[in-house]
């Protein structure tokens, strides 16, 4: 199989400058504000996005230095397979966050509820649509006993 190469469509600007202390999910980053700068070649793609209250940002974990198929997540003391956690040290360091879109000015999206580091390369944006994205009767595996730690768990770097 050939390598897959992506080109960033923009960059995420955030008050979060280093991994340490960063919220581990956007829900835990409540009211943290930032912006998304869309590069000129992609501005047309923003048409009609202002009608959505939330968007999904898909991005590259640009500070990841190593990958591992086993890792200890922030909300548990046990090691799990990388595909059973949402940690950044993945074979393909791709992340996603659902953020609130508060306004738009030309090529700048104003967002909040942020868990993304400053300078993160943006790969794509998708609208969050409750009817598409919510599921019923969900099982959350090992997280069931740890989900209450979400608001207090932070990235340890």
C-alpha atoms as a PDB file:
ATOM      1  CA  UNK A   1       0.000   0.000   0.000  1.00  0.00           C
ATOM      2  CA  UNK A   2       1.226   3.494  -0.798  1.00  0.00           C
ATOM      3  CA  UNK A   3       1.882   6.113   1.857  1.00  0.00           C
ATOM      4  CA  UNK A   4      -0.948   8.503   2.525  1.00  0.00           C
ATOM      5  CA  UNK A   5       0.015  12.163   2.650  1.00  0.00           C
ATOM      6  CA  UNK A   6      -2.233  14.929   3.978  1.00  0.00           C
ATOM      7  CA  UNK A   7      -1.803  18.670   3.604  1.00  0.00           C
ATOM      8  CA  UNK A   8      -3.036  20.856   6.464  1.00  0.00           C
ATOM      9  CA  UNK A   9      -5.969  23.123   5.589  1.00  0.00           C
ATOM     10  CA  UNK A  10      -5.267  25.439   8.499  1.00  0.00           C
ATOM     11  CA  UNK A  11      -3.832  25.786  11.971  1.00  0.00           C
ATOM     12  CA  UNK A  12      -5.464  25.790  15.398  1.00  0.00           C
ATOM     13  CA  UNK A  13      -4.566  28.623  17.777  1.00  0.00           C
ATOM     14  CA  UNK A  14      -5.069  27.962  21.447  1.00  0.00           C
ATOM     15  CA  UNK A  15      -4.007  29.231  24.873  1.00  0.00           C
ATOM     16  CA  UNK A  16      -2.813  25.659  25.543  1.00  0.00           C
ATOM     17  CA  UNK A  17       0.919  25.830  24.819  1.00  0.00           C
ATOM     18  CA  UNK A  18       2.214  22.481  26.121  1.00  0.00           C
ATOM     19  CA  UNK A  19       0.759  19.009  26.640  1.00  0.00           C
ATOM     20  CA  UNK A  20       1.138  19.077  30.423  1.00  0.00           C
ATOM     21  CA  UNK A  21      -2.085  20.206  32.063  1.00  0.00           C
ATOM     22  CA  UNK A  22      -4.148  20.176  28.858  1.00  0.00           C
ATOM     23  CA  UNK A  23      -7.710  18.812  29.174  1.00  0.00           C
ATOM     24  CA  UNK A  24      -7.875  15.300  27.759  1.00  0.00           C
ATOM     25  CA  UNK A  25     -11.180  15.798  25.903  1.00  0.00           C
ATOM     26  CA  UNK A  26     -12.956  18.889  24.594  1.00  0.00           C
ATOM     27  CA  UNK A  27     -15.832  18.371  27.036  1.00  0.00           C
ATOM     28  CA  UNK A  28     -13.307  18.868  29.854  1.00  0.00           C
ATOM     29  CA  UNK A  29     -11.979  22.016  28.137  1.00  0.00           C
ATOM     30  CA  UNK A  30     -15.243  23.834  28.746  1.00  0.00           C
ATOM     31  CA  UNK A  31     -15.020  27.563  27.960  1.00  0.00           C
ATOM     32  CA  UNK A  32     -11.372  27.433  26.793  1.00  0.00           C
ATOM     33  CA  UNK A  33     -11.384  29.672  23.715  1.00  0.00           C
ATOM     34  CA  UNK A  34      -9.292  29.559  20.575  1.00  0.00           C
ATOM     35  CA  UNK A  35      -9.362  30.140  16.851  1.00  0.00           C
ATOM     36  CA  UNK A  36      -8.938  28.118  13.708  1.00  0.00           C
ATOM     37  CA  UNK A  37      -7.121  29.860  10.872  1.00  0.00           C
ATOM     38  CA  UNK A  38      -8.124  28.405   7.509  1.00  0.00           C
ATOM     39  CA  UNK A  39      -5.519  28.776   4.777  1.00  0.00           C
ATOM     40  CA  UNK A  40      -6.563  30.844   1.702  1.00  0.00           C
ATOM     41  CA  UNK A  41      -6.906  27.862  -0.682  1.00  0.00           C
ATOM     42  CA  UNK A  42      -9.635  26.361   1.543  1.00  0.00           C
ATOM     43  CA  UNK A  43     -11.767  29.387   2.483  1.00  0.00           C
ATOM     44  CA  UNK A  44     -14.525  28.513  -0.030  1.00  0.00           C
ATOM     45  CA  UNK A  45     -15.060  25.290   1.919  1.00  0.00           C
ATOM     46  CA  UNK A  46     -16.386  27.328   4.871  1.00  0.00           C
ATOM     47  CA  UNK A  47     -19.553  28.294   2.988  1.00  0.00           C
ATOM     48  CA  UNK A  48     -22.613  27.699   5.238  1.00  0.00           C
ATOM     49  CA  UNK A  49     -20.620  26.443   8.250  1.00  0.00           C
ATOM     50  CA  UNK A  50     -21.901  29.354  10.355  1.00  0.00           C
ATOM     51  CA  UNK A  51     -25.239  27.546  10.673  1.00  0.00           C
ATOM     52  CA  UNK A  52     -23.704  24.881  12.926  1.00  0.00           C
ATOM     53  CA  UNK A  53     -23.224  25.324  16.662  1.00  0.00           C
ATOM     54  CA  UNK A  54     -20.556  22.599  16.870  1.00  0.00           C
ATOM     55  CA  UNK A  55     -17.927  21.294  14.495  1.00  0.00           C
ATOM     56  CA  UNK A  56     -15.583  18.317  14.475  1.00  0.00           C
ATOM     57  CA  UNK A  57     -11.933  19.258  14.028  1.00  0.00           C
ATOM     58  CA  UNK A  58      -9.652  16.532  12.682  1.00  0.00           C
ATOM     59  CA  UNK A  59      -5.996  17.295  13.251  1.00  0.00           C
ATOM     60  CA  UNK A  60      -2.451  16.002  13.417  1.00  0.00           C
ATOM     61  CA  UNK A  61      -0.849  15.482  16.853  1.00  0.00           C
ATOM     62  CA  UNK A  62       2.273  17.377  15.753  1.00  0.00           C
ATOM     63  CA  UNK A  63       4.193  16.991  19.031  1.00  0.00           C
ATOM     64  CA  UNK A  64       3.977  13.189  19.269  1.00  0.00           C
ATOM     65  CA  UNK A  65       7.489  11.791  19.270  1.00  0.00           C
ATOM     66  CA  UNK A  66       6.801   8.073  19.711  1.00  0.00           C
ATOM     67  CA  UNK A  67       4.028   5.613  19.060  1.00  0.00           C
ATOM     68  CA  UNK A  68       3.017   2.542  20.987  1.00  0.00           C
ATOM     69  CA  UNK A  69       0.386  -0.138  20.544  1.00  0.00           C
ATOM     70  CA  UNK A  70      -0.013  -0.364  24.331  1.00  0.00           C
ATOM     71  CA  UNK A  71      -0.420   2.653  26.595  1.00  0.00           C
ATOM     72  CA  UNK A  72      -1.745   3.727  29.975  1.00  0.00           C
ATOM     73  CA  UNK A  73      -4.565   6.232  29.448  1.00  0.00           C
ATOM     74  CA  UNK A  74      -4.965   9.323  31.617  1.00  0.00           C
ATOM     75  CA  UNK A  75      -8.107   7.967  33.303  1.00  0.00           C
ATOM     76  CA  UNK A  76      -6.840   4.499  34.286  1.00  0.00           C
ATOM     77  CA  UNK A  77      -3.824   2.842  35.883  1.00  0.00           C
ATOM     78  CA  UNK A  78      -3.877  -0.167  33.570  1.00  0.00           C
ATOM     79  CA  UNK A  79      -2.329  -0.535  30.124  1.00  0.00           C
ATOM     80  CA  UNK A  80      -4.751  -0.877  27.196  1.00  0.00           C
ATOM     81  CA  UNK A  81      -4.382  -1.291  23.445  1.00  0.00           C
ATOM     82  CA  UNK A  82      -3.970   2.060  21.683  1.00  0.00           C
ATOM     83  CA  UNK A  83      -7.176   1.436  19.715  1.00  0.00           C
ATOM     84  CA  UNK A  84      -9.125   1.125  23.002  1.00  0.00           C
ATOM     85  CA  UNK A  85      -8.002   4.558  24.220  1.00  0.00           C
ATOM     86  CA  UNK A  86      -7.912   8.084  22.818  1.00  0.00           C
ATOM     87  CA  UNK A  87      -4.275   8.890  23.583  1.00  0.00           C
ATOM     88  CA  UNK A  88      -2.133  10.784  21.049  1.00  0.00           C
ATOM     89  CA  UNK A  89       0.755   8.286  20.655  1.00  0.00           C
ATOM     90  CA  UNK A  90      -0.884   6.349  17.841  1.00  0.00           C
ATOM     91  CA  UNK A  91       0.500   4.724  14.656  1.00  0.00           C
ATOM     92  CA  UNK A  92      -1.135   7.611  12.765  1.00  0.00           C
ATOM     93  CA  UNK A  93      -1.224  10.539  15.227  1.00  0.00           C
ATOM     94  CA  UNK A  94      -4.630  11.866  14.214  1.00  0.00           C
ATOM     95  CA  UNK A  95      -6.952  13.501  16.723  1.00  0.00           C
ATOM     96  CA  UNK A  96     -10.470  14.835  16.648  1.00  0.00           C
ATOM     97  CA  UNK A  97     -12.385  17.186  18.888  1.00  0.00           C
ATOM     98  CA  UNK A  98     -15.961  18.385  18.926  1.00  0.00           C
ATOM     99  CA  UNK A  99     -15.834  22.121  19.643  1.00  0.00           C
ATOM    100  CA  UNK A 100     -18.379  24.905  19.846  1.00  0.00           C
ATOM    101  CA  UNK A 101     -18.312  27.317  16.896  1.00  0.00           C
ATOM    102  CA  UNK A 102     -19.075  30.773  18.294  1.00  0.00           C
ATOM    103  CA  UNK A 103     -18.444  32.996  15.250  1.00  0.00           C
ATOM    104  CA  UNK A 104     -16.610  33.387  11.961  1.00  0.00           C
ATOM    105  CA  UNK A 105     -14.682  36.314  10.504  1.00  0.00           C
ATOM    106  CA  UNK A 106     -13.374  35.661   6.985  1.00  0.00           C
ATOM    107  CA  UNK A 107     -10.962  32.725   7.354  1.00  0.00           C
ATOM    108  CA  UNK A 108     -10.974  32.679  11.173  1.00  0.00           C
ATOM    109  CA  UNK A 109     -13.301  30.391  13.116  1.00  0.00           C
ATOM    110  CA  UNK A 110     -13.804  31.327  16.771  1.00  0.00           C
ATOM    111  CA  UNK A 111     -14.218  28.217  18.871  1.00  0.00           C
ATOM    112  CA  UNK A 112     -14.463  27.139  22.482  1.00  0.00           C
ATOM    113  CA  UNK A 113     -14.457  24.013  24.650  1.00  0.00           C
ATOM    114  CA  UNK A 114     -10.924  23.288  23.543  1.00  0.00           C
ATOM    115  CA  UNK A 115      -8.450  20.491  24.263  1.00  0.00           C
ATOM    116  CA  UNK A 116      -6.030  21.192  21.394  1.00  0.00           C
ATOM    117  CA  UNK A 117      -2.524  22.623  21.615  1.00  0.00           C
ATOM    118  CA  UNK A 118      -1.529  25.873  19.967  1.00  0.00           C
ATOM    119  CA  UNK A 119      -0.077  25.439  16.482  1.00  0.00           C
ATOM    120  CA  UNK A 120      -1.793  22.120  15.795  1.00  0.00           C
ATOM    121  CA  UNK A 121      -2.141  21.454  12.038  1.00  0.00           C
ATOM    122  CA  UNK A 122      -5.789  21.115  10.983  1.00  0.00           C
ATOM    123  CA  UNK A 123      -6.566  18.337   8.500  1.00  0.00           C
ATOM    124  CA  UNK A 124     -10.335  18.644   8.121  1.00  0.00           C
ATOM    125  CA  UNK A 125     -13.579  20.056   9.530  1.00  0.00           C
ATOM    126  CA  UNK A 126     -16.931  18.319   9.636  1.00  0.00           C
ATOM    127  CA  UNK A 127     -20.220  19.646  10.996  1.00  0.00           C
ATOM    128  CA  UNK A 128     -21.464  17.997  14.175  1.00  0.00           C
ATOM    129  CA  UNK A 129     -25.008  16.756  13.599  1.00  0.00           C
ATOM    130  CA  UNK A 130     -26.730  15.168  16.594  1.00  0.00           C
ATOM    131  CA  UNK A 131     -28.840  12.835  14.452  1.00  0.00           C
ATOM    132  CA  UNK A 132     -25.711  11.526  12.694  1.00  0.00           C
ATOM    133  CA  UNK A 133     -23.281  11.499  15.580  1.00  0.00           C
ATOM    134  CA  UNK A 134     -25.200  10.392  18.685  1.00  0.00           C
ATOM    135  CA  UNK A 135     -25.859   6.733  19.356  1.00  0.00           C
ATOM    136  CA  UNK A 136     -28.098   4.966  21.869  1.00  0.00           C
ATOM    137  CA  UNK A 137     -27.277   1.966  24.082  1.00  0.00           C
ATOM    138  CA  UNK A 138     -23.559   2.679  24.140  1.00  0.00           C
ATOM    139  CA  UNK A 139     -20.969   0.506  25.889  1.00  0.00           C
ATOM    140  CA  UNK A 140     -17.798   2.323  26.937  1.00  0.00           C
ATOM    141  CA  UNK A 141     -15.643  -0.631  27.981  1.00  0.00           C
ATOM    142  CA  UNK A 142     -12.972  -0.039  30.623  1.00  0.00           C
ATOM    143  CA  UNK A 143     -13.941   3.658  30.784  1.00  0.00           C
ATOM    144  CA  UNK A 144     -17.223   2.793  32.523  1.00  0.00           C
ATOM    145  CA  UNK A 145     -15.573   2.770  35.952  1.00  0.00           C
ATOM    146  CA  UNK A 146     -13.363   5.804  35.192  1.00  0.00           C
ATOM    147  CA  UNK A 147     -15.564   8.235  33.251  1.00  0.00           C
ATOM    148  CA  UNK A 148     -16.109  10.284  36.410  1.00  0.00           C
ATOM    149  CA  UNK A 149     -12.399  11.286  36.208  1.00  0.00           C
ATOM    150  CA  UNK A 150     -12.867  13.230  32.966  1.00  0.00           C
ATOM    151  CA  UNK A 151     -13.177  16.701  34.464  1.00  0.00           C
ATOM    152  CA  UNK A 152     -10.094  16.286  36.667  1.00  0.00           C
ATOM    153  CA  UNK A 153      -7.759  14.298  34.387  1.00  0.00           C
ATOM    154  CA  UNK A 154      -5.118  16.338  32.559  1.00  0.00           C
ATOM    155  CA  UNK A 155      -2.375  15.462  30.106  1.00  0.00           C
ATOM    156  CA  UNK A 156       0.828  14.564  31.924  1.00  0.00           C
ATOM    157  CA  UNK A 157       3.053  15.346  28.958  1.00  0.00           C
END
